[in-house]
């Protein structure tokens, strides 16, 4: 598809090691993760449906009789185990993922009020999806290690050379279906996110590549 990148571009700020943080990597790493968290927060504030992984966490929490927070943490740990056969390695980006996304999500949810207008709530959903797409594109290009969920995406992408667009879309839709079966709550925003996030990340990877002049 024209304008959609099916791979992660190699940028001038890409790390040589997942633990080799350099000053030029700080802005795309922290900025990207904060944008990701803002996007998650906007989806929550819209009250039109959270992300598929949150739906999954809600459904699992119901069966395990734990909070959604604990359920989310458990899911992240299990997803990290799936990294092992792919030999995916964690890094500073993996740790930063857990810190900055949560902080930005909480701050956004606390500051932004839910609009009364349905149209404005839909705008929040669309803005949230784009923020997550661009934030993902930024922080993934640092090469400092993805978050648990993005690590699964990049692992499958590298192992079988499948487009990140199709891998991410497939993962989100699968997680959403499982979450709904388990009793998670979803809405229009959830469906829009699951159906579009893969292509959104692909478009923003292409945008980042053009902005920095790489292929």
N, C-alpha and C. Protein backbone atom coordinates (compact mmCIF):
# COMPACT_ATOMS: atom_id res chain seq x y z
N UNK A 1 0.85 -1.19 0.00
CA UNK A 1 0.00 0.00 0.00
C UNK A 1 0.89 1.24 0.00
N UNK A 2 0.63 2.17 -0.91
CA UNK A 2 1.45 3.37 -1.04
C UNK A 2 1.36 4.21 0.22
N UNK A 3 2.54 4.73 0.64
CA UNK A 3 2.59 5.59 1.81
C UNK A 3 2.65 4.86 3.12
N UNK A 4 2.57 3.54 3.11
CA UNK A 4 2.61 2.74 4.33
C UNK A 4 3.92 1.96 4.38
N UNK A 5 4.69 2.17 5.45
CA UNK A 5 5.95 1.44 5.61
C UNK A 5 5.67 0.09 6.22
N UNK A 6 6.26 -0.95 5.65
CA UNK A 6 6.06 -2.29 6.16
C UNK A 6 7.26 -2.78 6.97
N UNK A 7 8.17 -1.87 7.28
CA UNK A 7 9.32 -2.21 8.10
C UNK A 7 9.72 -1.00 8.93
N UNK A 8 10.55 -1.23 9.94
CA UNK A 8 11.01 -0.15 10.81
C UNK A 8 12.25 0.47 10.18
N UNK A 9 12.21 1.76 9.84
CA UNK A 9 13.37 2.39 9.18
C UNK A 9 14.56 2.52 10.12
N UNK A 10 15.76 2.52 9.53
CA UNK A 10 16.99 2.70 10.30
C UNK A 10 17.30 4.20 10.33
N UNK A 11 17.19 4.81 11.49
CA UNK A 11 17.39 6.25 11.63
C UNK A 11 18.78 6.56 12.20
N UNK A 12 19.14 7.84 12.17
CA UNK A 12 20.44 8.27 12.69
C UNK A 12 20.53 8.12 14.20
N UNK A 13 19.38 8.00 14.87
CA UNK A 13 19.40 7.87 16.33
C UNK A 13 19.22 6.42 16.77
N UNK A 14 19.26 5.49 15.85
CA UNK A 14 19.07 4.08 16.21
C UNK A 14 20.25 3.58 17.04
N UNK A 15 19.95 2.88 18.14
CA UNK A 15 20.99 2.38 19.04
C UNK A 15 21.69 1.16 18.46
N UNK A 16 22.95 0.99 18.82
CA UNK A 16 23.71 -0.20 18.43
C UNK A 16 23.47 -1.34 19.40
N UNK A 17 22.92 -1.01 20.57
CA UNK A 17 22.58 -1.99 21.60
C UNK A 17 21.34 -1.50 22.31
N UNK A 18 20.51 -2.44 22.78
CA UNK A 18 19.27 -2.05 23.46
C UNK A 18 19.52 -1.34 24.79
N UNK A 19 20.76 -1.33 25.26
CA UNK A 19 21.09 -0.64 26.51
C UNK A 19 22.00 0.55 26.27
N UNK A 20 22.31 0.85 25.01
CA UNK A 20 23.25 1.93 24.68
C UNK A 20 22.50 3.24 24.44
N UNK A 21 22.09 3.88 25.50
CA UNK A 21 21.36 5.15 25.39
C UNK A 21 22.33 6.29 25.08
N UNK A 22 21.97 7.10 24.09
CA UNK A 22 22.74 8.27 23.72
C UNK A 22 21.81 9.49 23.74
N UNK A 23 22.36 10.70 23.94
CA UNK A 23 21.51 11.90 24.03
C UNK A 23 20.54 12.06 22.87
N UNK A 24 20.97 11.72 21.64
CA UNK A 24 20.10 11.92 20.48
C UNK A 24 18.89 10.99 20.48
N UNK A 25 18.91 9.96 21.33
CA UNK A 25 17.81 9.00 21.38
C UNK A 25 16.73 9.39 22.38
N UNK A 26 17.06 10.31 23.29
CA UNK A 26 16.15 10.63 24.39
C UNK A 26 14.82 11.21 23.88
N UNK A 27 14.90 12.18 22.96
CA UNK A 27 13.68 12.84 22.48
C UNK A 27 12.73 11.86 21.78
N UNK A 28 13.20 11.05 20.79
CA UNK A 28 12.28 10.12 20.15
C UNK A 28 11.77 9.03 21.09
N UNK A 29 12.61 8.61 22.05
CA UNK A 29 12.19 7.57 22.99
C UNK A 29 11.13 8.09 23.95
N UNK A 30 11.48 9.14 24.70
CA UNK A 30 10.56 9.68 25.70
C UNK A 30 9.34 10.32 25.04
N UNK A 31 9.59 11.10 23.98
CA UNK A 31 8.48 11.74 23.28
C UNK A 31 7.52 10.73 22.69
N UNK A 32 8.06 9.67 22.08
CA UNK A 32 7.22 8.65 21.49
C UNK A 32 6.38 7.92 22.51
N UNK A 33 7.00 7.55 23.64
CA UNK A 33 6.27 6.84 24.69
C UNK A 33 5.21 7.72 25.35
N UNK A 34 5.53 8.99 25.54
CA UNK A 34 4.54 9.91 26.12
C UNK A 34 3.36 10.10 25.19
N UNK A 35 3.64 10.21 23.89
CA UNK A 35 2.55 10.31 22.91
C UNK A 35 1.68 9.06 22.95
N UNK A 36 2.31 7.91 23.08
CA UNK A 36 1.58 6.64 23.18
C UNK A 36 0.63 6.69 24.38
N UNK A 37 1.16 7.14 25.54
CA UNK A 37 0.34 7.21 26.73
C UNK A 37 -0.78 8.22 26.62
N UNK A 38 -0.50 9.36 25.98
CA UNK A 38 -1.55 10.36 25.75
C UNK A 38 -2.66 9.76 24.90
N UNK A 39 -2.27 9.02 23.86
CA UNK A 39 -3.27 8.37 23.00
C UNK A 39 -4.14 7.40 23.76
N UNK A 40 -3.51 6.58 24.63
CA UNK A 40 -4.28 5.65 25.46
C UNK A 40 -5.25 6.43 26.35
N UNK A 41 -4.76 7.54 26.92
CA UNK A 41 -5.60 8.35 27.80
C UNK A 41 -6.78 8.95 27.07
N UNK A 42 -6.57 9.42 25.84
CA UNK A 42 -7.66 10.00 25.05
C UNK A 42 -8.74 8.96 24.75
N UNK A 43 -8.32 7.73 24.50
CA UNK A 43 -9.30 6.66 24.26
C UNK A 43 -10.12 6.39 25.51
N UNK A 44 -9.47 6.40 26.65
CA UNK A 44 -10.18 6.18 27.92
C UNK A 44 -11.17 7.32 28.17
N UNK A 45 -10.71 8.56 27.96
CA UNK A 45 -11.55 9.74 28.21
C UNK A 45 -12.75 9.79 27.27
N UNK A 46 -12.58 9.29 26.06
CA UNK A 46 -13.68 9.32 25.08
C UNK A 46 -14.88 8.50 25.53
N UNK A 47 -14.62 7.48 26.35
CA UNK A 47 -15.66 6.56 26.83
C UNK A 47 -16.41 5.89 25.68
N UNK A 48 -15.68 5.70 24.58
CA UNK A 48 -16.26 4.98 23.44
C UNK A 48 -15.58 3.63 23.24
N UNK A 49 -14.78 3.23 24.22
CA UNK A 49 -14.11 1.94 24.12
C UNK A 49 -12.61 2.08 24.25
N UNK A 50 -12.02 1.25 25.11
CA UNK A 50 -10.57 1.27 25.31
C UNK A 50 -9.87 0.41 24.26
N UNK A 51 -8.56 0.29 24.38
CA UNK A 51 -7.80 -0.51 23.42
C UNK A 51 -8.10 -2.00 23.62
N UNK A 52 -7.86 -2.83 22.60
CA UNK A 52 -8.12 -4.27 22.73
C UNK A 52 -7.40 -4.92 23.91
N UNK A 53 -6.16 -4.47 24.20
CA UNK A 53 -5.42 -5.08 25.32
C UNK A 53 -6.09 -4.75 26.65
N UNK A 54 -6.70 -3.57 26.77
CA UNK A 54 -7.42 -3.23 27.99
C UNK A 54 -8.70 -4.05 28.09
N UNK A 55 -9.37 -4.28 26.96
CA UNK A 55 -10.55 -5.15 26.95
C UNK A 55 -10.16 -6.55 27.40
N UNK A 56 -9.04 -7.03 26.90
CA UNK A 56 -8.52 -8.34 27.29
C UNK A 56 -8.25 -8.38 28.80
N UNK A 57 -7.62 -7.32 29.32
CA UNK A 57 -7.30 -7.24 30.75
C UNK A 57 -8.58 -7.23 31.59
N UNK A 58 -9.59 -6.52 31.12
CA UNK A 58 -10.87 -6.47 31.83
C UNK A 58 -11.51 -7.87 31.91
N UNK A 59 -11.51 -8.56 30.78
CA UNK A 59 -12.10 -9.90 30.74
C UNK A 59 -11.35 -10.88 31.63
N UNK A 60 -10.02 -10.83 31.57
CA UNK A 60 -9.21 -11.73 32.39
C UNK A 60 -9.39 -11.42 33.87
N UNK A 61 -9.49 -10.12 34.20
CA UNK A 61 -9.66 -9.71 35.60
C UNK A 61 -10.95 -10.28 36.18
N UNK A 62 -11.98 -10.35 35.37
CA UNK A 62 -13.26 -10.89 35.84
C UNK A 62 -13.13 -12.35 36.25
N UNK A 63 -12.34 -13.11 35.51
CA UNK A 63 -12.20 -14.54 35.79
C UNK A 63 -11.19 -14.82 36.89
N UNK A 64 -10.18 -13.96 37.02
CA UNK A 64 -9.17 -14.17 38.04
C UNK A 64 -9.51 -13.45 39.34
N UNK A 65 -10.55 -12.61 39.31
CA UNK A 65 -11.00 -11.85 40.47
C UNK A 65 -9.88 -10.95 41.01
N UNK A 66 -9.24 -10.24 40.08
CA UNK A 66 -8.20 -9.27 40.43
C UNK A 66 -8.54 -7.96 39.74
N UNK A 67 -7.78 -6.90 40.06
CA UNK A 67 -8.02 -5.61 39.42
C UNK A 67 -7.51 -5.64 37.98
N UNK A 68 -7.97 -4.68 37.19
CA UNK A 68 -7.52 -4.58 35.80
C UNK A 68 -6.02 -4.28 35.77
N UNK A 69 -5.55 -3.52 36.77
CA UNK A 69 -4.13 -3.21 36.84
C UNK A 69 -3.27 -4.46 36.99
N UNK A 70 -3.66 -5.33 37.93
CA UNK A 70 -2.93 -6.58 38.12
C UNK A 70 -3.06 -7.49 36.91
N UNK A 71 -4.23 -7.49 36.32
CA UNK A 71 -4.44 -8.29 35.12
C UNK A 71 -3.54 -7.82 33.98
N UNK A 72 -3.42 -6.50 33.82
CA UNK A 72 -2.56 -5.93 32.79
C UNK A 72 -1.10 -6.32 33.02
N UNK A 73 -0.67 -6.25 34.28
CA UNK A 73 0.70 -6.62 34.62
C UNK A 73 0.97 -8.09 34.33
N UNK A 74 0.00 -8.93 34.65
CA UNK A 74 0.14 -10.37 34.39
C UNK A 74 0.24 -10.65 32.90
N UNK A 75 -0.60 -9.97 32.12
CA UNK A 75 -0.57 -10.14 30.67
C UNK A 75 0.79 -9.73 30.10
N UNK A 76 1.32 -8.61 30.60
CA UNK A 76 2.62 -8.13 30.13
C UNK A 76 3.72 -9.15 30.41
N UNK A 77 3.68 -9.77 31.60
CA UNK A 77 4.69 -10.76 31.95
C UNK A 77 4.58 -12.01 31.07
N UNK A 78 3.34 -12.42 30.78
CA UNK A 78 3.14 -13.59 29.93
C UNK A 78 3.61 -13.30 28.51
N UNK A 79 3.30 -12.09 28.02
CA UNK A 79 3.72 -11.71 26.67
C UNK A 79 5.25 -11.70 26.57
N UNK A 80 5.91 -11.27 27.64
CA UNK A 80 7.38 -11.28 27.65
C UNK A 80 7.92 -12.69 27.50
N UNK A 81 7.20 -13.68 28.03
CA UNK A 81 7.64 -15.07 27.88
C UNK A 81 7.59 -15.51 26.42
N UNK A 82 6.65 -14.94 25.66
CA UNK A 82 6.56 -15.27 24.24
C UNK A 82 7.75 -14.73 23.45
N UNK A 83 8.50 -13.81 24.05
CA UNK A 83 9.70 -13.29 23.40
C UNK A 83 10.80 -14.36 23.30
N UNK A 84 10.81 -15.30 24.25
CA UNK A 84 11.93 -16.25 24.38
C UNK A 84 12.20 -17.03 23.09
N UNK A 85 11.19 -17.68 22.48
CA UNK A 85 11.50 -18.43 21.25
C UNK A 85 11.93 -17.54 20.10
N UNK A 86 11.59 -16.25 20.14
CA UNK A 86 11.99 -15.33 19.08
C UNK A 86 13.34 -14.66 19.37
N UNK A 87 13.87 -14.95 20.57
CA UNK A 87 15.14 -14.36 21.01
C UNK A 87 15.10 -12.82 21.02
N UNK A 88 13.93 -12.31 21.33
CA UNK A 88 13.77 -10.86 21.48
C UNK A 88 14.38 -10.45 22.81
N UNK A 89 15.15 -9.37 22.80
CA UNK A 89 15.82 -8.93 24.01
C UNK A 89 15.23 -7.62 24.53
N UNK A 90 14.99 -7.55 25.83
CA UNK A 90 14.51 -6.29 26.41
C UNK A 90 15.63 -5.26 26.46
N UNK A 91 15.27 -4.02 26.68
CA UNK A 91 16.28 -2.97 26.77
C UNK A 91 15.74 -1.80 27.57
N UNK A 92 16.42 -0.69 27.46
CA UNK A 92 15.97 0.51 28.16
C UNK A 92 14.58 0.93 27.70
N UNK A 93 14.31 0.72 26.42
CA UNK A 93 12.99 1.07 25.88
C UNK A 93 11.88 0.25 26.50
N UNK A 94 12.18 -1.00 26.84
CA UNK A 94 11.18 -1.89 27.46
C UNK A 94 10.81 -1.36 28.84
N UNK A 95 11.83 -0.96 29.61
CA UNK A 95 11.58 -0.42 30.95
C UNK A 95 10.89 0.94 30.85
N UNK A 96 11.40 1.80 29.94
CA UNK A 96 10.81 3.13 29.77
C UNK A 96 9.35 3.02 29.33
N UNK A 97 9.04 2.00 28.54
CA UNK A 97 7.67 1.76 28.08
C UNK A 97 6.71 1.65 29.26
N UNK A 98 7.10 0.89 30.26
CA UNK A 98 6.24 0.66 31.41
C UNK A 98 6.05 1.91 32.25
N UNK A 99 7.06 2.79 32.27
CA UNK A 99 7.03 3.99 33.11
C UNK A 99 6.31 5.15 32.44
N UNK A 100 6.78 5.54 31.25
CA UNK A 100 6.29 6.76 30.62
C UNK A 100 4.87 6.62 30.07
N UNK A 101 4.53 5.47 29.52
CA UNK A 101 3.17 5.29 28.98
C UNK A 101 2.14 5.39 30.10
N UNK A 102 2.41 4.71 31.21
CA UNK A 102 1.46 4.74 32.33
C UNK A 102 1.30 6.15 32.89
N UNK A 103 2.43 6.86 33.02
CA UNK A 103 2.39 8.21 33.57
C UNK A 103 1.62 9.16 32.66
N UNK A 104 1.88 9.08 31.34
CA UNK A 104 1.20 9.95 30.39
C UNK A 104 -0.29 9.62 30.30
N UNK A 105 -0.62 8.34 30.39
CA UNK A 105 -2.02 7.91 30.36
C UNK A 105 -2.77 8.49 31.56
N UNK A 106 -2.20 8.31 32.75
CA UNK A 106 -2.85 8.80 33.96
C UNK A 106 -3.03 10.32 33.95
N UNK A 107 -2.00 11.03 33.49
CA UNK A 107 -2.06 12.49 33.46
C UNK A 107 -3.11 12.98 32.46
N UNK A 108 -3.16 12.32 31.30
CA UNK A 108 -4.14 12.70 30.28
C UNK A 108 -5.56 12.47 30.77
N UNK A 109 -5.78 11.32 31.39
CA UNK A 109 -7.11 10.98 31.90
C UNK A 109 -7.55 11.93 33.02
N UNK A 110 -6.58 12.46 33.76
CA UNK A 110 -6.89 13.38 34.86
C UNK A 110 -7.15 14.79 34.38
N UNK A 111 -6.50 15.19 33.28
CA UNK A 111 -6.58 16.57 32.80
C UNK A 111 -7.69 16.78 31.78
N UNK A 112 -7.87 15.82 30.88
CA UNK A 112 -8.84 15.97 29.79
C UNK A 112 -10.21 15.47 30.23
N UNK A 113 -11.22 16.31 30.09
CA UNK A 113 -12.58 15.93 30.47
C UNK A 113 -13.30 15.29 29.29
N UNK A 114 -14.23 14.41 29.58
CA UNK A 114 -15.01 13.78 28.52
C UNK A 114 -16.02 14.77 27.96
N UNK A 115 -15.97 15.06 26.67
CA UNK A 115 -16.93 16.01 26.07
C UNK A 115 -18.35 15.45 26.07
N UNK A 116 -19.31 16.33 26.08
CA UNK A 116 -20.71 15.90 25.99
C UNK A 116 -21.06 15.54 24.55
N UNK A 117 -20.42 16.21 23.60
CA UNK A 117 -20.70 15.98 22.19
C UNK A 117 -20.12 14.64 21.72
N UNK A 118 -20.96 13.85 21.07
CA UNK A 118 -20.50 12.57 20.51
C UNK A 118 -19.44 12.80 19.45
N UNK A 119 -19.60 13.86 18.65
CA UNK A 119 -18.62 14.15 17.60
C UNK A 119 -17.24 14.41 18.20
N UNK A 120 -17.20 15.19 19.29
CA UNK A 120 -15.92 15.48 19.93
C UNK A 120 -15.31 14.23 20.55
N UNK A 121 -16.15 13.34 21.03
CA UNK A 121 -15.64 12.09 21.60
C UNK A 121 -15.03 11.21 20.51
N UNK A 122 -15.64 11.23 19.33
CA UNK A 122 -15.08 10.50 18.19
C UNK A 122 -13.75 11.10 17.78
N UNK A 123 -13.68 12.44 17.84
CA UNK A 123 -12.42 13.14 17.52
C UNK A 123 -11.33 12.70 18.50
N UNK A 124 -11.67 12.54 19.77
CA UNK A 124 -10.70 12.06 20.76
C UNK A 124 -10.20 10.67 20.41
N UNK A 125 -11.10 9.81 19.95
CA UNK A 125 -10.70 8.46 19.55
C UNK A 125 -9.71 8.52 18.40
N UNK A 126 -10.03 9.30 17.38
CA UNK A 126 -9.16 9.39 16.20
C UNK A 126 -7.81 10.01 16.57
N UNK A 127 -7.85 11.05 17.42
CA UNK A 127 -6.61 11.68 17.87
C UNK A 127 -5.78 10.70 18.70
N UNK A 128 -6.46 9.90 19.50
CA UNK A 128 -5.77 8.91 20.32
C UNK A 128 -5.08 7.85 19.48
N UNK A 129 -5.76 7.38 18.45
CA UNK A 129 -5.18 6.37 17.55
C UNK A 129 -3.94 6.93 16.85
N UNK A 130 -4.04 8.17 16.36
CA UNK A 130 -2.90 8.79 15.68
C UNK A 130 -1.74 9.01 16.65
N UNK A 131 -2.03 9.44 17.87
CA UNK A 131 -0.98 9.65 18.87
C UNK A 131 -0.25 8.35 19.17
N UNK A 132 -0.99 7.26 19.29
CA UNK A 132 -0.37 5.95 19.54
C UNK A 132 0.43 5.50 18.32
N UNK A 133 -0.10 5.75 17.13
CA UNK A 133 0.60 5.36 15.91
C UNK A 133 1.91 6.10 15.74
N UNK A 134 1.89 7.44 15.92
CA UNK A 134 3.10 8.23 15.74
C UNK A 134 4.08 7.98 16.89
N UNK A 135 3.54 7.85 18.11
CA UNK A 135 4.40 7.56 19.26
C UNK A 135 5.11 6.22 19.09
N UNK A 136 4.39 5.22 18.61
CA UNK A 136 5.00 3.91 18.37
C UNK A 136 6.10 4.00 17.33
N UNK A 137 5.82 4.72 16.24
CA UNK A 137 6.80 4.87 15.16
C UNK A 137 8.08 5.53 15.66
N UNK A 138 7.93 6.54 16.53
CA UNK A 138 9.10 7.23 17.06
C UNK A 138 9.95 6.34 17.95
N UNK A 139 9.33 5.74 18.96
CA UNK A 139 10.15 5.02 19.93
C UNK A 139 10.69 3.71 19.38
N UNK A 140 9.99 3.07 18.44
CA UNK A 140 10.49 1.83 17.86
C UNK A 140 11.76 2.06 17.04
N UNK A 141 11.91 3.26 16.45
CA UNK A 141 13.09 3.54 15.63
C UNK A 141 14.35 3.76 16.47
N UNK A 142 14.23 3.87 17.79
CA UNK A 142 15.42 4.04 18.63
C UNK A 142 16.20 2.75 18.78
N UNK A 143 15.54 1.62 18.60
CA UNK A 143 16.21 0.33 18.74
C UNK A 143 16.62 0.01 20.16
N UNK A 144 15.99 0.66 21.15
CA UNK A 144 16.34 0.44 22.55
C UNK A 144 15.48 -0.62 23.22
N UNK A 145 14.75 -1.36 22.42
CA UNK A 145 13.92 -2.41 22.97
C UNK A 145 12.46 -1.99 23.05
N UNK A 146 11.57 -2.78 22.51
CA UNK A 146 10.14 -2.44 22.52
C UNK A 146 9.48 -2.82 23.84
N UNK A 147 8.25 -2.35 24.01
CA UNK A 147 7.45 -2.79 25.14
C UNK A 147 7.00 -4.22 24.91
N UNK A 148 6.40 -4.85 25.91
CA UNK A 148 6.01 -6.26 25.77
C UNK A 148 5.17 -6.55 24.53
N UNK A 149 4.15 -5.75 24.29
CA UNK A 149 3.26 -6.01 23.15
C UNK A 149 3.92 -5.69 21.82
N UNK A 150 4.62 -4.56 21.76
CA UNK A 150 5.30 -4.21 20.52
C UNK A 150 6.44 -5.17 20.23
N UNK A 151 7.05 -5.73 21.28
CA UNK A 151 8.11 -6.70 21.09
C UNK A 151 7.60 -7.96 20.40
N UNK A 152 6.39 -8.37 20.74
CA UNK A 152 5.79 -9.52 20.07
C UNK A 152 5.58 -9.21 18.59
N UNK A 153 5.14 -7.99 18.31
CA UNK A 153 4.93 -7.57 16.92
C UNK A 153 6.23 -7.58 16.13
N UNK A 154 7.27 -6.95 16.67
CA UNK A 154 8.54 -6.86 15.95
C UNK A 154 9.20 -8.24 15.82
N UNK A 155 8.99 -9.12 16.80
CA UNK A 155 9.55 -10.47 16.73
C UNK A 155 8.97 -11.25 15.57
N UNK A 156 7.65 -11.22 15.46
CA UNK A 156 6.98 -11.92 14.36
C UNK A 156 7.37 -11.30 13.03
N UNK A 157 7.48 -9.97 13.01
CA UNK A 157 7.89 -9.26 11.79
C UNK A 157 9.25 -9.73 11.30
N UNK A 158 10.22 -9.83 12.21
CA UNK A 158 11.57 -10.24 11.82
C UNK A 158 11.65 -11.73 11.50
N UNK A 159 10.95 -12.56 12.27
CA UNK A 159 11.04 -14.01 12.12
C UNK A 159 10.52 -14.47 10.77
N UNK A 160 9.37 -13.95 10.37
CA UNK A 160 8.74 -14.42 9.13
C UNK A 160 8.64 -13.36 8.05
N UNK A 161 9.26 -12.19 8.30
CA UNK A 161 9.27 -11.11 7.33
C UNK A 161 7.86 -10.70 6.90
N UNK A 162 6.97 -10.69 7.87
CA UNK A 162 5.59 -10.24 7.63
C UNK A 162 5.51 -8.76 7.97
N UNK A 163 4.79 -8.01 7.17
CA UNK A 163 4.65 -6.57 7.39
C UNK A 163 4.20 -6.26 8.81
N UNK A 164 4.80 -5.23 9.43
CA UNK A 164 4.38 -4.82 10.76
C UNK A 164 2.92 -4.37 10.76
N UNK A 165 2.45 -3.90 9.60
CA UNK A 165 1.05 -3.47 9.48
C UNK A 165 0.12 -4.65 9.73
N UNK A 166 0.38 -5.77 9.06
CA UNK A 166 -0.50 -6.93 9.17
C UNK A 166 -0.30 -7.66 10.49
N UNK A 167 0.94 -7.69 10.98
CA UNK A 167 1.20 -8.34 12.26
C UNK A 167 0.45 -7.62 13.38
N UNK A 168 0.60 -6.29 13.45
CA UNK A 168 -0.04 -5.54 14.53
C UNK A 168 -1.56 -5.64 14.44
N UNK A 169 -2.10 -5.53 13.23
CA UNK A 169 -3.56 -5.63 13.06
C UNK A 169 -4.05 -7.00 13.50
N UNK A 170 -3.32 -8.04 13.13
CA UNK A 170 -3.72 -9.40 13.50
C UNK A 170 -3.68 -9.62 15.00
N UNK A 171 -2.64 -9.11 15.66
CA UNK A 171 -2.52 -9.25 17.11
C UNK A 171 -3.66 -8.51 17.82
N UNK A 172 -3.93 -7.28 17.40
CA UNK A 172 -4.97 -6.49 18.05
C UNK A 172 -6.35 -7.13 17.90
N UNK A 173 -6.65 -7.60 16.72
CA UNK A 173 -7.96 -8.23 16.48
C UNK A 173 -8.10 -9.53 17.27
N UNK A 174 -7.02 -10.31 17.34
CA UNK A 174 -7.04 -11.56 18.10
C UNK A 174 -7.26 -11.30 19.58
N UNK A 175 -6.52 -10.33 20.12
CA UNK A 175 -6.65 -9.97 21.53
C UNK A 175 -8.06 -9.45 21.83
N UNK A 176 -8.60 -8.66 20.91
CA UNK A 176 -9.96 -8.12 21.10
C UNK A 176 -10.99 -9.24 21.17
N UNK A 177 -10.90 -10.19 20.26
CA UNK A 177 -11.85 -11.31 20.25
C UNK A 177 -11.78 -12.10 21.56
N UNK A 178 -10.55 -12.39 22.00
CA UNK A 178 -10.38 -13.13 23.26
C UNK A 178 -10.94 -12.32 24.43
N UNK A 179 -10.66 -11.01 24.43
CA UNK A 179 -11.15 -10.16 25.50
C UNK A 179 -12.66 -10.12 25.58
N UNK A 180 -13.31 -10.03 24.43
CA UNK A 180 -14.77 -10.00 24.39
C UNK A 180 -15.35 -11.33 24.87
N UNK A 181 -14.73 -12.44 24.46
CA UNK A 181 -15.19 -13.77 24.89
C UNK A 181 -15.08 -13.90 26.42
N UNK A 182 -14.03 -13.29 26.98
CA UNK A 182 -13.83 -13.35 28.43
C UNK A 182 -14.73 -12.39 29.20
N UNK A 183 -15.41 -11.51 28.46
CA UNK A 183 -16.34 -10.59 29.12
C UNK A 183 -15.85 -9.17 29.25
N UNK A 184 -14.80 -8.81 28.52
CA UNK A 184 -14.29 -7.44 28.55
C UNK A 184 -15.26 -6.48 27.89
N UNK A 185 -15.19 -5.20 28.27
CA UNK A 185 -16.10 -4.19 27.74
C UNK A 185 -15.44 -3.48 26.56
N UNK A 186 -16.16 -3.43 25.45
CA UNK A 186 -15.62 -2.76 24.28
C UNK A 186 -16.66 -1.85 23.66
N UNK A 187 -16.20 -0.99 22.74
CA UNK A 187 -17.11 -0.06 22.09
C UNK A 187 -16.62 0.27 20.69
N UNK A 188 -17.20 1.30 20.12
CA UNK A 188 -16.84 1.71 18.76
C UNK A 188 -15.36 2.08 18.68
N UNK A 189 -14.87 2.76 19.72
CA UNK A 189 -13.47 3.17 19.74
C UNK A 189 -12.53 1.98 19.72
N UNK A 190 -12.91 0.90 20.41
CA UNK A 190 -12.11 -0.31 20.44
C UNK A 190 -12.00 -0.92 19.05
N UNK A 191 -13.13 -1.00 18.37
CA UNK A 191 -13.16 -1.59 17.03
C UNK A 191 -12.34 -0.75 16.05
N UNK A 192 -12.50 0.58 16.13
CA UNK A 192 -11.74 1.47 15.26
C UNK A 192 -10.24 1.30 15.49
N UNK A 193 -9.85 1.21 16.76
CA UNK A 193 -8.44 1.05 17.09
C UNK A 193 -7.91 -0.27 16.55
N UNK A 194 -8.61 -1.36 16.83
CA UNK A 194 -8.14 -2.68 16.40
C UNK A 194 -8.01 -2.77 14.89
N UNK A 195 -8.95 -2.15 14.18
CA UNK A 195 -8.95 -2.25 12.73
C UNK A 195 -7.94 -1.33 12.05
N UNK A 196 -7.54 -0.26 12.74
CA UNK A 196 -6.72 0.75 12.06
C UNK A 196 -5.31 0.93 12.59
N UNK A 197 -5.00 0.43 13.79
CA UNK A 197 -3.71 0.76 14.41
C UNK A 197 -2.52 0.23 13.61
N UNK A 198 -2.66 -0.95 13.02
CA UNK A 198 -1.56 -1.48 12.22
C UNK A 198 -1.21 -0.58 11.07
N UNK A 199 -2.22 -0.13 10.33
CA UNK A 199 -1.99 0.76 9.19
C UNK A 199 -1.54 2.14 9.66
N UNK A 200 -2.04 2.57 10.82
CA UNK A 200 -1.63 3.86 11.36
C UNK A 200 -0.15 3.86 11.70
N UNK A 201 0.33 2.78 12.31
CA UNK A 201 1.76 2.67 12.62
C UNK A 201 2.57 2.63 11.34
N UNK A 202 2.09 1.89 10.34
CA UNK A 202 2.79 1.82 9.05
C UNK A 202 2.90 3.18 8.39
N UNK A 203 1.83 3.95 8.41
CA UNK A 203 1.84 5.30 7.83
C UNK A 203 2.82 6.21 8.57
N UNK A 204 2.84 6.10 9.89
CA UNK A 204 3.72 6.96 10.67
C UNK A 204 5.18 6.53 10.60
N UNK A 205 5.43 5.25 10.41
CA UNK A 205 6.81 4.81 10.16
C UNK A 205 7.30 5.41 8.85
N UNK A 206 6.42 5.43 7.86
CA UNK A 206 6.76 6.04 6.57
C UNK A 206 7.00 7.53 6.74
N UNK A 207 6.18 8.18 7.56
CA UNK A 207 6.33 9.62 7.81
C UNK A 207 7.67 9.92 8.48
N UNK A 208 8.01 9.14 9.49
CA UNK A 208 9.29 9.32 10.19
C UNK A 208 10.45 9.13 9.22
N UNK A 209 10.35 8.10 8.38
CA UNK A 209 11.41 7.84 7.40
C UNK A 209 11.61 9.02 6.45
N UNK A 210 10.49 9.62 6.01
CA UNK A 210 10.59 10.78 5.11
C UNK A 210 11.15 11.99 5.82
N UNK A 211 10.75 12.21 7.08
CA UNK A 211 11.19 13.36 7.83
C UNK A 211 12.71 13.35 8.07
N UNK A 212 13.25 12.15 8.27
CA UNK A 212 14.69 12.06 8.55
C UNK A 212 15.50 11.67 7.31
N UNK A 213 14.81 11.48 6.18
CA UNK A 213 15.50 11.22 4.93
C UNK A 213 16.11 9.84 4.81
N UNK A 214 15.39 8.80 5.29
CA UNK A 214 15.88 7.42 5.12
C UNK A 214 14.83 6.63 4.37
N UNK A 215 15.24 5.45 3.88
CA UNK A 215 14.33 4.58 3.15
C UNK A 215 13.74 3.52 4.06
